[in-house]
PDB file of N, CA and C in Angstrom:
ATOM      1  N   MET A   1     -62.974  51.688 -51.224  1.00  0.00           N
ATOM      2  CA  MET A   1     -62.666  50.417 -51.839  1.00  0.00           C
ATOM      3  C   MET A   1     -61.157  50.174 -51.874  1.00  0.00           C
ATOM      4  N   LYS A   2     -60.395  51.241 -52.185  1.00  0.00           N
ATOM      5  CA  LYS A   2     -58.946  51.097 -52.236  1.00  0.00           C
ATOM      6  C   LYS A   2     -58.378  50.768 -50.855  1.00  0.00           C
ATOM      7  N   LYS A   3     -58.955  51.401 -49.833  1.00  0.00           N
ATOM      8  CA  LYS A   3     -58.460  51.153 -48.484  1.00  0.00           C
ATOM      9  C   LYS A   3     -58.714  49.707 -48.069  1.00  0.00           C
ATOM     10  N   LEU A   4     -59.875  49.197 -48.426  1.00  0.00           N
ATOM     11  CA  LEU A   4     -60.208  47.818 -48.081  1.00  0.00           C
ATOM     12  C   LEU A   4     -59.276  46.843 -48.790  1.00  0.00           C
ATOM     13  N   LEU A   5     -59.030  47.093 -50.070  1.00  0.00           N
ATOM     14  CA  LEU A   5     -58.133  46.230 -50.841  1.00  0.00           C
ATOM     15  C   LEU A   5     -56.713  46.276 -50.275  1.00  0.00           C
ATOM     16  N   THR A   6     -56.256  47.464 -49.926  1.00  0.00           N
ATOM     17  CA  THR A   6     -54.928  47.607 -49.343  1.00  0.00           C
ATOM     18  C   THR A   6     -54.840  46.878 -48.005  1.00  0.00           C
ATOM     19  N   LEU A   7     -55.884  46.991 -47.194  1.00  0.00           N
ATOM     20  CA  LEU A   7     -55.904  46.306 -45.910  1.00  0.00           C
ATOM     21  C   LEU A   7     -55.838  44.794 -46.081  1.00  0.00           C
ATOM     22  N   ILE A   8     -56.579  44.270 -47.036  1.00  0.00           N
ATOM     23  CA  ILE A   8     -56.571  42.823 -47.277  1.00  0.00           C
ATOM     24  C   ILE A   8     -55.198  42.360 -47.735  1.00  0.00           C
ATOM     25  N   ILE A   9     -54.586  43.107 -48.624  1.00  0.00           N
ATOM     26  CA  ILE A   9     -53.251  42.739 -49.116  1.00  0.00           C
ATOM     27  C   ILE A   9     -52.237  42.755 -47.977  1.00  0.00           C
ATOM     28  N   LEU A  10     -52.296  43.790 -47.135  1.00  0.00           N
ATOM     29  CA  LEU A  10     -51.360  43.867 -46.016  1.00  0.00           C
ATOM     30  C   LEU A  10     -51.577  42.738 -45.019  1.00  0.00           C
ATOM     31  N   MET A  11     -52.822  42.379 -44.773  1.00  0.00           N
ATOM     32  CA  MET A  11     -53.096  41.283 -43.840  1.00  0.00           C
ATOM     33  C   MET A  11     -52.601  39.951 -44.398  1.00  0.00           C
ATOM     34  N   LEU A  12     -52.750  39.745 -45.696  1.00  0.00           N
ATOM     35  CA  LEU A  12     -52.275  38.502 -46.297  1.00  0.00           C
ATOM     36  C   LEU A  12     -50.754  38.428 -46.289  1.00  0.00           C
ATOM     37  N   SER A  13     -50.094  39.550 -46.527  1.00  0.00           N
ATOM     38  CA  SER A  13     -48.631  39.538 -46.514  1.00  0.00           C
ATOM     39  C   SER A  13     -48.117  39.290 -45.097  1.00  0.00           C
ATOM     40  N   PHE A  14     -48.828  39.785 -44.090  1.00  0.00           N
ATOM     41  CA  PHE A  14     -48.443  39.545 -42.705  1.00  0.00           C
ATOM     42  C   PHE A  14     -48.596  38.072 -42.359  1.00  0.00           C
ATOM     43  N   ALA A  15     -49.627  37.459 -42.871  1.00  0.00           N
ATOM     44  CA  ALA A  15     -49.860  36.035 -42.597  1.00  0.00           C
ATOM     45  C   ALA A  15     -48.751  35.181 -43.193  1.00  0.00           C
ATOM     46  N   THR A  16     -48.253  35.531 -44.367  1.00  0.00           N
ATOM     47  CA  THR A  16     -47.184  34.746 -44.972  1.00  0.00           C
ATOM     48  C   THR A  16     -45.877  34.922 -44.211  1.00  0.00           C
ATOM     49  N   VAL A  17     -45.658  36.092 -43.648  1.00  0.00           N
ATOM     50  CA  VAL A  17     -44.445  36.319 -42.869  1.00  0.00           C
ATOM     51  C   VAL A  17     -44.479  35.473 -41.601  1.00  0.00           C
ATOM     52  N   ASN A  18     -45.615  35.396 -40.950  1.00  0.00           N
ATOM     53  CA  ASN A  18     -45.727  34.591 -39.738  1.00  0.00           C
ATOM     54  C   ASN A  18     -45.673  33.102 -40.035  1.00  0.00           C
ATOM     55  N   ALA A  19     -46.007  32.690 -41.231  1.00  0.00           N
ATOM     56  CA  ALA A  19     -46.050  31.277 -41.569  1.00  0.00           C
ATOM     57  C   ALA A  19     -44.657  30.685 -41.793  1.00  0.00           C
ATOM     58  N   GLN A  20     -43.625  31.514 -41.772  1.00  0.00           N
ATOM     59  CA  GLN A  20     -42.288  31.024 -42.055  1.00  0.00           C
ATOM     60  C   GLN A  20     -41.700  30.242 -40.883  1.00  0.00           C
ATOM     61  N   GLY A  21     -42.199  30.444 -39.723  1.00  0.00           N
ATOM     62  CA  GLY A  21     -41.733  29.646 -38.589  1.00  0.00           C
ATOM     63  C   GLY A  21     -40.498  30.224 -37.923  1.00  0.00           C
ATOM     64  N   GLY A  22     -39.982  29.501 -36.955  1.00  0.00           N
ATOM     65  CA  GLY A  22     -38.852  29.974 -36.174  1.00  0.00           C
ATOM     66  C   GLY A  22     -37.553  29.299 -36.540  1.00  0.00           C
ATOM     67  N   LYS A  23     -37.282  29.133 -37.814  1.00  0.00           N
ATOM     68  CA  LYS A  23     -36.040  28.488 -38.238  1.00  0.00           C
ATOM     69  C   LYS A  23     -34.861  29.408 -37.951  1.00  0.00           C
ATOM     70  N   ASP A  24     -33.744  28.806 -37.580  1.00  0.00           N
ATOM     71  CA  ASP A  24     -32.529  29.589 -37.389  1.00  0.00           C
ATOM     72  C   ASP A  24     -31.928  29.918 -38.744  1.00  0.00           C
ATOM     73  N   VAL A  25     -31.473  31.147 -38.868  1.00  0.00           N
ATOM     74  CA  VAL A  25     -30.856  31.579 -40.114  1.00  0.00           C
ATOM     75  C   VAL A  25     -29.353  31.381 -39.982  1.00  0.00           C
ATOM     76  N   GLU A  26     -28.844  30.456 -40.740  1.00  0.00           N
ATOM     77  CA  GLU A  26     -27.439  30.077 -40.631  1.00  0.00           C
ATOM     78  C   GLU A  26     -26.512  31.209 -41.066  1.00  0.00           C
ATOM     79  N   MET A  27     -26.893  31.910 -42.132  1.00  0.00           N
ATOM     80  CA  MET A  27     -26.052  32.980 -42.646  1.00  0.00           C
ATOM     81  C   MET A  27     -25.911  34.097 -41.613  1.00  0.00           C
ATOM     82  N   ALA A  28     -26.994  34.432 -40.935  1.00  0.00           N
ATOM     83  CA  ALA A  28     -26.937  35.495 -39.929  1.00  0.00           C
ATOM     84  C   ALA A  28     -26.037  35.095 -38.771  1.00  0.00           C
ATOM     85  N   ASP A  29     -26.083  33.837 -38.381  1.00  0.00           N
ATOM     86  CA  ASP A  29     -25.213  33.377 -37.293  1.00  0.00           C
ATOM     87  C   ASP A  29     -23.743  33.465 -37.685  1.00  0.00           C
ATOM     88  N   ILE A  30     -23.440  33.110 -38.926  1.00  0.00           N
ATOM     89  CA  ILE A  30     -22.046  33.178 -39.400  1.00  0.00           C
ATOM     90  C   ILE A  30     -21.572  34.617 -39.452  1.00  0.00           C
ATOM     91  N   LEU A  31     -22.413  35.509 -39.990  1.00  0.00           N
ATOM     92  CA  LEU A  31     -22.038  36.926 -40.072  1.00  0.00           C
ATOM     93  C   LEU A  31     -21.871  37.522 -38.676  1.00  0.00           C
ATOM     94  N   ARG A  32     -22.736  37.135 -37.754  1.00  0.00           N
ATOM     95  CA  ARG A  32     -22.666  37.656 -36.398  1.00  0.00           C
ATOM     96  C   ARG A  32     -21.408  37.163 -35.691  1.00  0.00           C
ATOM     97  N   SER A  33     -21.059  35.910 -35.894  1.00  0.00           N
ATOM     98  CA  SER A  33     -19.894  35.362 -35.195  1.00  0.00           C
ATOM     99  C   SER A  33     -18.587  35.921 -35.729  1.00  0.00           C
ATOM    100  N   SER A  34     -18.554  36.256 -37.018  1.00  0.00           N
ATOM    101  CA  SER A  34     -17.317  36.798 -37.584  1.00  0.00           C
ATOM    102  C   SER A  34     -17.249  38.318 -37.498  1.00  0.00           C
ATOM    103  N   GLY A  35     -18.340  38.963 -37.052  1.00  0.00           N
ATOM    104  CA  GLY A  35     -18.333  40.416 -36.911  1.00  0.00           C
ATOM    105  C   GLY A  35     -18.669  41.152 -38.187  1.00  0.00           C
ATOM    106  N   LYS A  36     -18.999  40.447 -39.253  1.00  0.00           N
ATOM    107  CA  LYS A  36     -19.307  41.097 -40.526  1.00  0.00           C
ATOM    108  C   LYS A  36     -20.724  41.668 -40.572  1.00  0.00           C
ATOM    109  N   ILE A  37     -21.542  41.328 -39.586  1.00  0.00           N
ATOM    110  CA  ILE A  37     -22.905  41.837 -39.565  1.00  0.00           C
ATOM    111  C   ILE A  37     -22.900  43.358 -39.443  1.00  0.00           C
ATOM    112  N   TYR A  38     -21.877  43.908 -38.788  1.00  0.00           N
ATOM    113  CA  TYR A  38     -21.789  45.361 -38.651  1.00  0.00           C
ATOM    114  C   TYR A  38     -21.537  46.029 -39.990  1.00  0.00           C
ATOM    115  N   VAL A  39     -20.807  45.373 -40.856  1.00  0.00           N
ATOM    116  CA  VAL A  39     -20.576  45.903 -42.205  1.00  0.00           C
ATOM    117  C   VAL A  39     -21.887  45.927 -42.986  1.00  0.00           C
ATOM    118  N   VAL A  40     -22.681  44.887 -42.840  1.00  0.00           N
ATOM    119  CA  VAL A  40     -23.966  44.822 -43.531  1.00  0.00           C
ATOM    120  C   VAL A  40     -24.889  45.911 -43.017  1.00  0.00           C
ATOM    121  N   VAL A  41     -24.971  46.073 -41.705  1.00  0.00           N
ATOM    122  CA  VAL A  41     -25.832  47.095 -41.112  1.00  0.00           C
ATOM    123  C   VAL A  41     -25.368  48.494 -41.511  1.00  0.00           C
ATOM    124  N   ALA A  42     -24.075  48.724 -41.512  1.00  0.00           N
ATOM    125  CA  ALA A  42     -23.550  50.033 -41.891  1.00  0.00           C
ATOM    126  C   ALA A  42     -23.853  50.334 -43.355  1.00  0.00           C
ATOM    127  N   THR A  43     -23.727  49.355 -44.216  1.00  0.00           N
ATOM    128  CA  THR A  43     -24.019  49.558 -45.638  1.00  0.00           C
ATOM    129  C   THR A  43     -25.487  49.903 -45.846  1.00  0.00           C
ATOM    130  N   ILE A  44     -26.370  49.189 -45.180  1.00  0.00           N
ATOM    131  CA  ILE A  44     -27.802  49.480 -45.299  1.00  0.00           C
ATOM    132  C   ILE A  44     -28.108  50.874 -44.769  1.00  0.00           C
ATOM    133  N   ALA A  45     -27.486  51.253 -43.660  1.00  0.00           N
ATOM    134  CA  ALA A  45     -27.709  52.580 -43.090  1.00  0.00           C
ATOM    135  C   ALA A  45     -27.234  53.670 -44.042  1.00  0.00           C
ATOM    136  N   ILE A  46     -26.081  53.469 -44.677  1.00  0.00           N
ATOM    137  CA  ILE A  46     -25.562  54.456 -45.626  1.00  0.00           C
ATOM    138  C   ILE A  46     -26.499  54.603 -46.815  1.00  0.00           C
ATOM    139  N   VAL A  47     -27.028  53.503 -47.305  1.00  0.00           N
ATOM    140  CA  VAL A  47     -27.963  53.564 -48.437  1.00  0.00           C
ATOM    141  C   VAL A  47     -29.214  54.333 -48.052  1.00  0.00           C
ATOM    142  N   PHE A  48     -29.779  54.051 -46.877  1.00  0.00           N
ATOM    143  CA  PHE A  48     -30.986  54.757 -46.445  1.00  0.00           C
ATOM    144  C   PHE A  48     -30.731  56.239 -46.220  1.00  0.00           C
ATOM    145  N   VAL A  49     -29.610  56.590 -45.642  1.00  0.00           N
ATOM    146  CA  VAL A  49     -29.286  58.000 -45.431  1.00  0.00           C
ATOM    147  C   VAL A  49     -29.110  58.698 -46.779  1.00  0.00           C
ATOM    148  N   GLY A  50     -28.460  58.036 -47.719  1.00  0.00           N
ATOM    149  CA  GLY A  50     -28.303  58.619 -49.050  1.00  0.00           C
ATOM    150  C   GLY A  50     -29.631  58.840 -49.735  1.00  0.00           C
ATOM    151  N   LEU A  51     -30.536  57.886 -49.633  1.00  0.00           N
ATOM    152  CA  LEU A  51     -31.869  58.062 -50.216  1.00  0.00           C
ATOM    153  C   LEU A  51     -32.629  59.203 -49.551  1.00  0.00           C
ATOM    154  N   ALA A  52     -32.521  59.319 -48.242  1.00  0.00           N
ATOM    155  CA  ALA A  52     -33.214  60.387 -47.522  1.00  0.00           C
ATOM    156  C   ALA A  52     -32.689  61.758 -47.946  1.00  0.00           C
ATOM    157  N   VAL A  53     -31.372  61.894 -48.034  1.00  0.00           N
ATOM    158  CA  VAL A  53     -30.776  63.164 -48.455  1.00  0.00           C
ATOM    159  C   VAL A  53     -31.210  63.502 -49.879  1.00  0.00           C
ATOM    160  N   TYR A  54     -31.208  62.528 -50.756  1.00  0.00           N
ATOM    161  CA  TYR A  54     -31.622  62.740 -52.139  1.00  0.00           C
ATOM    162  C   TYR A  54     -33.075  63.203 -52.211  1.00  0.00           C
ATOM    163  N   LEU A  55     -33.940  62.558 -51.449  1.00  0.00           N
ATOM    164  CA  LEU A  55     -35.353  62.941 -51.461  1.00  0.00           C
ATOM    165  C   LEU A  55     -35.563  64.339 -50.889  1.00  0.00           C
ATOM    166  N   PHE A  56     -34.840  64.701 -49.850  1.00  0.00           N
ATOM    167  CA  PHE A  56     -34.978  66.042 -49.287  1.00  0.00           C
ATOM    168  C   PHE A  56     -34.492  67.111 -50.261  1.00  0.00           C
ATOM    169  N   THR A  57     -33.400  66.841 -50.992  1.00  0.00           N
ATOM    170  CA  THR A  57     -32.940  67.833 -51.962  1.00  0.00           C
ATOM    171  C   THR A  57     -33.925  67.976 -53.122  1.00  0.00           C
ATOM    172  N   ILE A  58     -34.521  66.888 -53.547  1.00  0.00           N
ATOM    173  CA  ILE A  58     -35.539  66.969 -54.599  1.00  0.00           C
ATOM    174  C   ILE A  58     -36.742  67.763 -54.097  1.00  0.00           C
ATOM    175  N   ASP A  59     -37.118  67.552 -52.840  1.00  0.00           N
ATOM    176  CA  ASP A  59     -38.253  68.273 -52.263  1.00  0.00           C
ATOM    177  C   ASP A  59     -37.969  69.773 -52.220  1.00  0.00           C
ATOM    178  N   ARG A  60     -36.771  70.153 -51.828  1.00  0.00           N
ATOM    179  CA  ARG A  60     -36.406  71.568 -51.795  1.00  0.00           C
ATOM    180  C   ARG A  60     -36.474  72.191 -53.185  1.00  0.00           C
ATOM    181  N   ARG A  61     -35.923  71.496 -54.173  1.00  0.00           N
ATOM    182  CA  ARG A  61     -35.951  72.011 -55.541  1.00  0.00           C
ATOM    183  C   ARG A  61     -37.380  72.162 -56.035  1.00  0.00           C
ATOM    184  N   LEU A  62     -38.219  71.204 -55.729  1.00  0.00           N
ATOM    185  CA  LEU A  62     -39.605  71.253 -56.162  1.00  0.00           C
ATOM    186  C   LEU A  62     -40.343  72.408 -55.507  1.00  0.00           C
ATOM    187  N   LYS A  63     -40.107  72.645 -54.218  1.00  0.00           N
ATOM    188  CA  LYS A  63     -40.733  73.779 -53.537  1.00  0.00           C
ATOM    189  C   LYS A  63     -40.276  75.093 -54.150  1.00  0.00           C
ATOM    190  N   LYS A  64     -39.009  75.175 -54.514  1.00  0.00           N
ATOM    191  CA  LYS A  64     -38.471  76.392 -55.122  1.00  0.00           C
ATOM    192  C   LYS A  64     -39.138  76.645 -56.481  1.00  0.00           C
ATOM    193  N   ILE A  65     -39.288  75.603 -57.265  1.00  0.00           N
ATOM    194  CA  ILE A  65     -39.933  75.727 -58.572  1.00  0.00           C
ATOM    195  C   ILE A  65     -41.404  76.109 -58.415  1.00  0.00           C
ATOM    196  N   GLU A  66     -42.082  75.534 -57.416  1.00  0.00           N
ATOM    197  CA  GLU A  66     -43.489  75.872 -57.181  1.00  0.00           C
ATOM    198  C   GLU A  66     -43.641  77.318 -56.764  1.00  0.00           C
ATOM    199  N   LYS A  67     -42.717  77.844 -55.964  1.00  0.00           N
ATOM    200  CA  LYS A  67     -42.784  79.248 -55.547  1.00  0.00           C
ATOM    201  C   LYS A  67     -42.569  80.191 -56.730  1.00  0.00           C
ATOM    202  N   GLU A  68     -41.701  79.793 -57.652  1.00  0.00           N
ATOM    203  CA  GLU A  68     -41.435  80.655 -58.814  1.00  0.00           C
ATOM    204  C   GLU A  68     -42.648  80.760 -59.723  1.00  0.00           C
ATOM    205  N   ASN A  69     -43.424  79.688 -59.792  1.00  0.00           N
ATOM    206  CA  ASN A  69     -44.608  79.713 -60.633  1.00  0.00           C
ATOM    207  C   ASN A  69     -45.730  80.303 -59.844  1.00  0.00           C
TER     208      ASN A  69
END
């Protein structure tokens, strides 16, 4: 039942994403033309790498605690 509900929710969210159409995003064009898009991409990449490192260190600590018990 949970899988079916999750599938329905994901399909509905996909439908709303496709319903947005092919409008041009003005902000993205401005950022791309001025070269600031690279700053945005780099910032997002740094955040994701930081989250990944944090999660891996938590996983290591948890494995260590599980081995001790």
